[in-house]
């Protein structure tokens, strides 16, 4: 399981830069650069919800990946030792990205 650091502060699963979901889905089936990927598991934190109550934050997270052209994608599983999900001010999943993505093409 990759070590995951997430800067998407507006996500309901983000708790102190860790994900409390337990598993995430990275999208971007045809991505050739990190900006064409996204965290499909992103859910915007509502203004009246100060903290995530979705689970316990963990440094390691199971990552399913649809980014077929990524070096770290092995049969839709991320094999990177560490992954960064970026999008500090994101309010939609399209404003997030897997900053670890590296095109194998």
N, C-alpha and C. Protein backbone atom coordinates (compact mmCIF):
# COMPACT_ATOMS: atom_id res chain seq x y z
N UNK A 1 0.83 -1.18 0.00
CA UNK A 1 0.00 0.00 0.00
C UNK A 1 0.88 1.24 0.00
N UNK A 2 0.57 2.20 -0.87
CA UNK A 2 1.37 3.42 -0.89
C UNK A 2 1.13 4.30 0.33
N UNK A 3 2.14 5.03 0.70
CA UNK A 3 2.00 6.08 1.69
C UNK A 3 1.38 7.26 0.96
N UNK A 4 0.31 7.83 1.49
CA UNK A 4 -0.42 8.89 0.80
C UNK A 4 -0.41 10.17 1.61
N UNK A 5 -0.05 11.26 0.94
CA UNK A 5 -0.16 12.59 1.52
C UNK A 5 -1.14 13.35 0.64
N UNK A 6 -2.10 13.99 1.27
CA UNK A 6 -3.16 14.67 0.52
C UNK A 6 -3.26 16.12 0.95
N UNK A 7 -3.13 17.04 -0.02
CA UNK A 7 -3.25 18.47 0.30
C UNK A 7 -4.64 19.02 -0.01
N UNK A 8 -5.58 18.14 -0.31
CA UNK A 8 -6.94 18.57 -0.67
C UNK A 8 -7.73 18.82 0.61
N UNK A 9 -7.53 20.01 1.17
CA UNK A 9 -8.11 20.36 2.46
C UNK A 9 -9.63 20.39 2.47
N UNK A 10 -10.25 20.61 1.32
CA UNK A 10 -11.71 20.69 1.25
C UNK A 10 -12.39 19.34 1.12
N UNK A 11 -11.62 18.26 1.17
CA UNK A 11 -12.21 16.92 1.05
C UNK A 11 -12.66 16.43 2.42
N UNK A 12 -13.83 15.85 2.47
CA UNK A 12 -14.38 15.35 3.73
C UNK A 12 -13.50 14.25 4.33
N UNK A 13 -12.72 13.56 3.52
CA UNK A 13 -11.87 12.49 4.01
C UNK A 13 -10.50 12.97 4.49
N UNK A 14 -10.14 14.22 4.22
CA UNK A 14 -8.83 14.73 4.60
C UNK A 14 -8.81 15.06 6.09
N UNK A 15 -7.83 14.50 6.77
CA UNK A 15 -7.67 14.78 8.19
C UNK A 15 -6.17 14.90 8.45
N UNK A 16 -5.68 16.12 8.61
CA UNK A 16 -4.26 16.39 8.87
C UNK A 16 -3.37 15.84 7.76
N UNK A 17 -3.78 16.02 6.50
CA UNK A 17 -3.04 15.62 5.31
C UNK A 17 -3.05 14.11 5.05
N UNK A 18 -3.85 13.37 5.80
CA UNK A 18 -4.01 11.95 5.58
C UNK A 18 -5.45 11.66 5.18
N UNK A 19 -5.65 10.51 4.56
CA UNK A 19 -6.99 10.14 4.09
C UNK A 19 -7.66 9.22 5.10
N UNK A 20 -8.88 9.51 5.45
CA UNK A 20 -9.61 8.67 6.39
C UNK A 20 -10.57 7.71 5.68
N UNK A 21 -10.53 7.69 4.33
CA UNK A 21 -11.42 6.80 3.59
C UNK A 21 -10.95 5.36 3.61
N UNK A 22 -9.63 5.15 3.61
CA UNK A 22 -9.11 3.78 3.61
C UNK A 22 -8.70 3.28 2.24
N UNK A 23 -9.37 3.79 1.21
CA UNK A 23 -9.02 3.45 -0.17
C UNK A 23 -9.49 4.59 -1.05
N UNK A 24 -8.76 4.86 -2.11
CA UNK A 24 -9.18 5.91 -3.04
C UNK A 24 -9.09 5.40 -4.47
N UNK A 25 -9.75 6.11 -5.35
CA UNK A 25 -9.74 5.81 -6.78
C UNK A 25 -9.14 7.02 -7.50
N UNK A 26 -8.06 6.78 -8.24
CA UNK A 26 -7.47 7.83 -9.06
C UNK A 26 -7.99 7.66 -10.48
N UNK A 27 -8.52 8.72 -11.05
CA UNK A 27 -9.05 8.69 -12.41
C UNK A 27 -8.11 9.34 -13.40
N UNK A 28 -8.40 9.12 -14.65
CA UNK A 28 -7.60 9.71 -15.73
C UNK A 28 -7.16 8.65 -16.71
N UNK A 29 -8.10 7.89 -17.21
CA UNK A 29 -7.80 6.74 -18.06
C UNK A 29 -6.87 7.07 -19.23
N UNK A 30 -7.05 8.24 -19.82
CA UNK A 30 -6.21 8.63 -20.97
C UNK A 30 -5.15 9.66 -20.59
N UNK A 31 -4.93 9.89 -19.30
CA UNK A 31 -4.00 10.91 -18.82
C UNK A 31 -2.59 10.68 -19.35
N UNK A 32 -1.96 11.79 -19.75
CA UNK A 32 -0.56 11.79 -20.18
C UNK A 32 0.28 12.73 -19.30
N UNK A 33 -0.41 13.45 -18.39
CA UNK A 33 0.27 14.31 -17.42
C UNK A 33 -0.59 14.37 -16.16
N UNK A 34 0.03 14.73 -15.05
CA UNK A 34 -0.68 14.66 -13.77
C UNK A 34 -1.94 15.53 -13.74
N UNK A 35 -1.95 16.63 -14.46
CA UNK A 35 -3.12 17.52 -14.47
C UNK A 35 -4.34 16.86 -15.11
N UNK A 36 -4.15 15.76 -15.79
CA UNK A 36 -5.26 15.04 -16.43
C UNK A 36 -5.78 13.89 -15.55
N UNK A 37 -5.25 13.79 -14.33
CA UNK A 37 -5.73 12.80 -13.37
C UNK A 37 -6.60 13.50 -12.34
N UNK A 38 -7.27 12.73 -11.51
CA UNK A 38 -8.04 13.30 -10.41
C UNK A 38 -8.27 12.24 -9.34
N UNK A 39 -8.63 12.69 -8.17
CA UNK A 39 -9.04 11.77 -7.11
C UNK A 39 -10.55 11.62 -7.24
N UNK A 40 -10.98 10.49 -7.76
CA UNK A 40 -12.41 10.26 -7.96
C UNK A 40 -13.15 10.06 -6.64
N UNK A 41 -12.40 9.83 -5.57
CA UNK A 41 -13.01 9.63 -4.25
C UNK A 41 -13.30 10.95 -3.54
N UNK A 42 -12.84 12.07 -4.10
CA UNK A 42 -13.04 13.38 -3.50
C UNK A 42 -14.51 13.67 -3.24
N UNK A 43 -14.79 14.14 -2.03
CA UNK A 43 -16.12 14.65 -1.68
C UNK A 43 -15.91 15.94 -0.92
N UNK A 44 -16.52 17.00 -1.41
CA UNK A 44 -16.31 18.31 -0.80
C UNK A 44 -16.86 18.34 0.63
N UNK A 45 -16.04 18.90 1.51
CA UNK A 45 -16.46 19.11 2.89
C UNK A 45 -17.42 20.29 2.92
N UNK A 46 -18.54 20.13 3.51
CA UNK A 46 -19.53 21.21 3.61
C UNK A 46 -19.11 22.19 4.69
N UNK A 47 -19.52 23.42 4.55
CA UNK A 47 -19.13 24.49 5.47
C UNK A 47 -19.49 24.18 6.92
N UNK A 48 -20.59 23.48 7.14
CA UNK A 48 -21.02 23.18 8.51
C UNK A 48 -20.34 21.93 9.08
N UNK A 49 -19.44 21.33 8.33
CA UNK A 49 -18.73 20.13 8.78
C UNK A 49 -17.26 20.45 8.96
N UNK A 50 -16.84 20.70 10.17
CA UNK A 50 -15.46 21.12 10.44
C UNK A 50 -14.45 19.99 10.26
N UNK A 51 -14.76 18.81 10.68
CA UNK A 51 -13.84 17.68 10.60
C UNK A 51 -14.52 16.49 9.94
N UNK A 52 -13.70 15.60 9.43
CA UNK A 52 -14.20 14.38 8.82
C UNK A 52 -14.65 13.42 9.91
N UNK A 53 -15.77 12.79 9.70
CA UNK A 53 -16.22 11.74 10.60
C UNK A 53 -16.32 10.44 9.82
N UNK A 54 -15.55 10.36 8.74
CA UNK A 54 -15.65 9.23 7.83
C UNK A 54 -14.75 8.06 8.21
N UNK A 55 -13.95 8.17 9.23
CA UNK A 55 -13.05 7.09 9.60
C UNK A 55 -11.78 7.63 10.20
N UNK A 56 -10.84 6.73 10.42
CA UNK A 56 -9.56 7.10 11.02
C UNK A 56 -8.55 7.41 9.93
N UNK A 57 -7.88 8.56 10.02
CA UNK A 57 -6.88 8.89 9.00
C UNK A 57 -5.70 7.91 9.07
N UNK A 58 -5.18 7.58 7.90
CA UNK A 58 -4.07 6.65 7.82
C UNK A 58 -3.03 7.16 6.84
N UNK A 59 -1.77 6.91 7.14
CA UNK A 59 -0.70 7.31 6.24
C UNK A 59 -0.67 6.40 5.01
N UNK A 60 -1.08 5.15 5.15
CA UNK A 60 -1.12 4.21 4.03
C UNK A 60 -2.55 3.99 3.58
N UNK A 61 -2.74 4.00 2.26
CA UNK A 61 -4.07 3.89 1.68
C UNK A 61 -4.02 3.02 0.44
N UNK A 62 -5.01 2.18 0.27
CA UNK A 62 -5.13 1.38 -0.95
C UNK A 62 -5.55 2.32 -2.08
N UNK A 63 -4.82 2.29 -3.20
CA UNK A 63 -5.08 3.19 -4.31
C UNK A 63 -5.39 2.39 -5.58
N UNK A 64 -6.64 2.45 -6.01
CA UNK A 64 -7.03 1.90 -7.31
C UNK A 64 -6.81 3.00 -8.32
N UNK A 65 -6.24 2.66 -9.46
CA UNK A 65 -5.85 3.68 -10.42
C UNK A 65 -6.32 3.35 -11.83
N UNK A 66 -7.02 4.30 -12.43
CA UNK A 66 -7.47 4.16 -13.81
C UNK A 66 -6.53 4.82 -14.81
N UNK A 67 -5.46 5.46 -14.32
CA UNK A 67 -4.51 6.15 -15.20
C UNK A 67 -3.60 5.11 -15.86
N UNK A 68 -4.08 4.55 -16.95
CA UNK A 68 -3.43 3.42 -17.64
C UNK A 68 -2.01 3.73 -18.09
N UNK A 69 -1.71 4.98 -18.37
CA UNK A 69 -0.39 5.35 -18.90
C UNK A 69 0.61 5.72 -17.81
N UNK A 70 0.25 5.51 -16.55
CA UNK A 70 1.15 5.85 -15.45
C UNK A 70 2.14 4.71 -15.20
N UNK A 71 3.38 5.07 -14.98
CA UNK A 71 4.44 4.12 -14.67
C UNK A 71 4.08 3.25 -13.47
N UNK A 72 3.38 3.81 -12.51
CA UNK A 72 3.08 3.11 -11.26
C UNK A 72 1.80 2.27 -11.31
N UNK A 73 1.09 2.29 -12.42
CA UNK A 73 -0.15 1.53 -12.55
C UNK A 73 0.17 0.09 -12.95
N UNK A 74 -0.18 -0.85 -12.10
CA UNK A 74 -0.01 -2.27 -12.38
C UNK A 74 -1.36 -2.95 -12.21
N UNK A 75 -2.04 -3.19 -13.33
CA UNK A 75 -3.38 -3.80 -13.32
C UNK A 75 -4.33 -3.02 -12.41
N UNK A 76 -4.34 -1.71 -12.58
CA UNK A 76 -5.23 -0.78 -11.87
C UNK A 76 -4.93 -0.64 -10.38
N UNK A 77 -3.73 -0.99 -9.96
CA UNK A 77 -3.28 -0.78 -8.58
C UNK A 77 -2.04 0.10 -8.62
N UNK A 78 -1.95 1.04 -7.71
CA UNK A 78 -0.79 1.93 -7.64
C UNK A 78 0.36 1.21 -6.93
N UNK A 79 1.53 1.23 -7.57
CA UNK A 79 2.70 0.57 -6.99
C UNK A 79 3.74 1.58 -6.49
N UNK A 80 3.42 2.86 -6.52
CA UNK A 80 4.35 3.87 -6.00
C UNK A 80 4.50 3.69 -4.49
N UNK A 81 5.67 3.95 -3.99
CA UNK A 81 5.88 3.85 -2.54
C UNK A 81 5.19 4.97 -1.79
N UNK A 82 5.12 6.14 -2.45
CA UNK A 82 4.49 7.32 -1.84
C UNK A 82 3.72 8.04 -2.94
N UNK A 83 2.52 8.50 -2.64
CA UNK A 83 1.76 9.26 -3.61
C UNK A 83 1.24 10.55 -2.99
N UNK A 84 1.21 11.58 -3.81
CA UNK A 84 0.72 12.89 -3.39
C UNK A 84 -0.53 13.23 -4.19
N UNK A 85 -1.61 13.51 -3.48
CA UNK A 85 -2.82 14.01 -4.12
C UNK A 85 -2.85 15.51 -3.86
N UNK A 86 -2.90 16.29 -4.93
CA UNK A 86 -2.84 17.75 -4.84
C UNK A 86 -4.17 18.39 -5.21
N UNK A 87 -4.35 19.61 -4.73
CA UNK A 87 -5.55 20.38 -5.03
C UNK A 87 -6.04 21.08 -3.78
N UNK A 88 -5.20 21.87 -3.18
CA UNK A 88 -5.48 22.49 -1.88
C UNK A 88 -6.82 23.21 -1.82
N UNK A 89 -7.21 23.92 -2.86
CA UNK A 89 -8.45 24.69 -2.83
C UNK A 89 -9.56 24.02 -3.65
N UNK A 90 -9.43 22.76 -3.94
CA UNK A 90 -10.40 22.05 -4.79
C UNK A 90 -11.81 22.06 -4.19
N UNK A 91 -12.77 22.25 -5.08
CA UNK A 91 -14.18 22.10 -4.67
C UNK A 91 -14.87 21.04 -5.52
N UNK A 92 -14.17 20.53 -6.52
CA UNK A 92 -14.67 19.42 -7.34
C UNK A 92 -13.52 18.43 -7.56
N UNK A 93 -13.85 17.20 -7.90
CA UNK A 93 -12.79 16.21 -8.12
C UNK A 93 -11.90 16.58 -9.30
N UNK A 94 -12.42 17.31 -10.27
CA UNK A 94 -11.64 17.75 -11.41
C UNK A 94 -10.54 18.74 -11.05
N UNK A 95 -10.62 19.32 -9.87
CA UNK A 95 -9.60 20.25 -9.41
C UNK A 95 -8.54 19.56 -8.55
N UNK A 96 -8.61 18.23 -8.47
CA UNK A 96 -7.61 17.45 -7.76
C UNK A 96 -6.73 16.74 -8.78
N UNK A 97 -5.57 16.26 -8.36
CA UNK A 97 -4.72 15.50 -9.27
C UNK A 97 -3.77 14.62 -8.48
N UNK A 98 -3.32 13.56 -9.14
CA UNK A 98 -2.28 12.72 -8.57
C UNK A 98 -0.96 13.33 -9.01
N UNK A 99 -0.30 14.01 -8.10
CA UNK A 99 0.95 14.70 -8.42
C UNK A 99 2.11 13.72 -8.60
N UNK A 100 1.91 12.46 -8.28
CA UNK A 100 2.92 11.43 -8.42
C UNK A 100 2.91 10.81 -9.84
N UNK A 101 1.85 11.04 -10.57
CA UNK A 101 1.71 10.47 -11.93
C UNK A 101 2.96 10.71 -12.77
N UNK A 102 3.43 9.64 -13.41
CA UNK A 102 4.52 9.74 -14.39
C UNK A 102 4.12 8.91 -15.60
N UNK A 103 4.07 9.56 -16.75
CA UNK A 103 3.67 8.89 -17.97
C UNK A 103 4.76 7.92 -18.42
N UNK A 104 4.37 6.72 -18.75
CA UNK A 104 5.34 5.74 -19.24
C UNK A 104 5.52 5.79 -20.74
N UNK A 105 4.87 6.77 -21.38
CA UNK A 105 4.98 6.92 -22.83
C UNK A 105 6.05 7.89 -23.23
